[in-house]
Amino acid sequence: MTPSRNRPLTLAIFGTLLLSLGALLCFFWPVVFLRLLSKELSLSPTSTSFDVWNNSTTVPLHLEIYFFNWTNPEEIRTPGKKPSFVQLGPYTFLERREKVNVVFHPENDTVSFDLKRTWYFDVERSNGTLKDNVTQLNVVALSAVHRIRNWAFYWHTMFELMLIKIGQIHLTKTVDELLFTGYEDTLINMGKISKIVDLPPFDKFGWFYMRNESTTFDGHFNMATGQDSIMNIGILRNWNYRNTTSFYDAPCNAVEGSAGEFWPPDRNFDEITLFSADICRPLTYEYNGMMTYNGIEGKQYVIGDKTLSNSTKRRYTNRKANSQSQDPDVVNVGQCFCNGECTPSGLINVTACRYGAPAFVSLPHFHKADPILREQIAGMNPDDEKHGFHITLEPTTGIPIDVAARLQVNILLQPLDSLSLFSGVPRTYFPMFWFNEHAGITEELAPPLRLLIQLSKFGHYTSIAILVLGSLIVLAAGVLHCLHKRGRVDVVMTMSNKPMSAGFTVPTRQKTELIYLDTTVATDDHDAQTRLNRQLYPKLVGDNLQDL
């Protein structure tokens, strides 16, 4: 067999091998990449991701706090007058997060830890100083009144004596006092003696009082490491040593969702869930589209109706039947989180989580909330760009590339005629302050992530290229084979129509056979039976035909 005849067969074999290799790479590359990703992302004392997770100094985190200054407290009982607010700030703090008391549990592939958070005031990034004065509601008084409002009347009479020393429903304090330093309050001091009201275990009040550098304030966490399956990484298993909380009724008391720093890779879901220790419950974020941050494309998830609405329904499996529901597994989680009286949409009731204070969380400036909340007061200007809460995840790895956590703390003011200080006041949700905590992947960390993303695409595109190349080679082999076969037929046809010349000689050392080639045309039946001018012609046999 000559090399020219071997060429199509060789090409066909080579093309088939390429097709097989491309198919195998296309099928197995996602598995191989997931293995590589699991090795890099899953948490262990020696993993690459452990150092970044354990100490957040590699990712700058800034906390911006905006206070609402109440400008007309003396008009609180004036008909037709709305409480008016002016936003102050931002007062910016550099935040450091560190995991302490870290213990790995290989028996169930989890890790337990406490969170230490430290804040440093950043003068250059702030618009104001810690000595700025802010006028707000007296939160301590409101919290105490909220606790006793359903008690017997004689308790109200005793509490009225305590409120006489306060004199007014508002107070003015510095930013530092309202945040970290705290301030002494008459009710707190008297509460230690009288024990009429079970107040929080603090000697001062401040929104972040005793929280700076605390390792216990956020609670104790137990989180999946992803060692058993990368699809479990970052999922919170227990908070404060339990998988449920005491702040909401079942099934809304479940501890679930991400702990906030890891999400499973290759997510195609319409929503993600994050458990927030600040409000003692999970938050649902809905898919909002693709976004780009620092040259990296990611899926953006935002807080929307599934978290803020009072009528959000969710399916819980393996629940006991509820005779009042057509489907016993479907629960109205919006009402489940109400803790009694439901609020207008856009508010999250955290009263039980915050020592019984009538505290409610919303998006800043009541963004995405019931318009009635903004109509009751003056000074709210919601803007989705400034006041939305979003998390952007790189879909291939599940790594957060842009996070903007924005929430507002509100206090409910309610009238109570049995107490002169609260008689005749309007029922209003007062905005106290809101914060913006932003973190994004830095320019130093972006190139390694881009390389990891390209590695995922490299295997996919390489397998496609190999498949295409193999297909072209097999096709070329088929074409060559057809052309070669057609060439042989053309040679035979040429010889059959060409008489042997006198000078034609058959090459030596080549096998031949004699055949009759009748070149006459029969004109009638007689001539058809007659064979005239018949001559034997040589025909090359086998491989020698190609030399003609």
Foldseek 3Di string as FASTA:
>chain_A
DDPLLCVLVVLQVVLVVLQVVLVCLQVCVVVVLQVVLLQAQFDDPPHVCPVCVQKVPQWKKKKWKKFWAFDCQVCLQPPPDFTATDIAKGFMWTKIKGWPPWDADVVQQKIKTFIFMAIDTDPVRMDDDQQDKGKDFPQVVQLQCLVCLPPDLVLLVVVLVQCVVVPAGMDMDGNCCQAEPFDADSCLVVCVPPVSGDFPPDRGHHPCYPRHRDRPPLFMWMAHRCPVHLQRHQWTCDTNRHQFDPQFDPPQRGRTFGCPFFHRAQDPDQWGWHQGSVLNGIAIWGWDDWDDDLRAIWTKTWGACCGFPLAHKDFAPPDDADPVDPDRRIDRVSVRQCSPDHDWGQWGASCSVNRNFRKIKGFALSPNTDCVQDVSHHDRDDDCVVTIFMWTARRRNRGTAKGKHKMWMWGWQDARCSHPNRHSGHGHTGTTMMMIMIIGDDPVRVVVVVVSVVSSVVSNVVSVVSSVVSVVSSVVSVVSVVVVVVVLVVLVVVVLPDDDDPPDDDDPPFDKDWDWRQPDDDDDPVSVVDRPPIDTDIDTDDPCSVVD
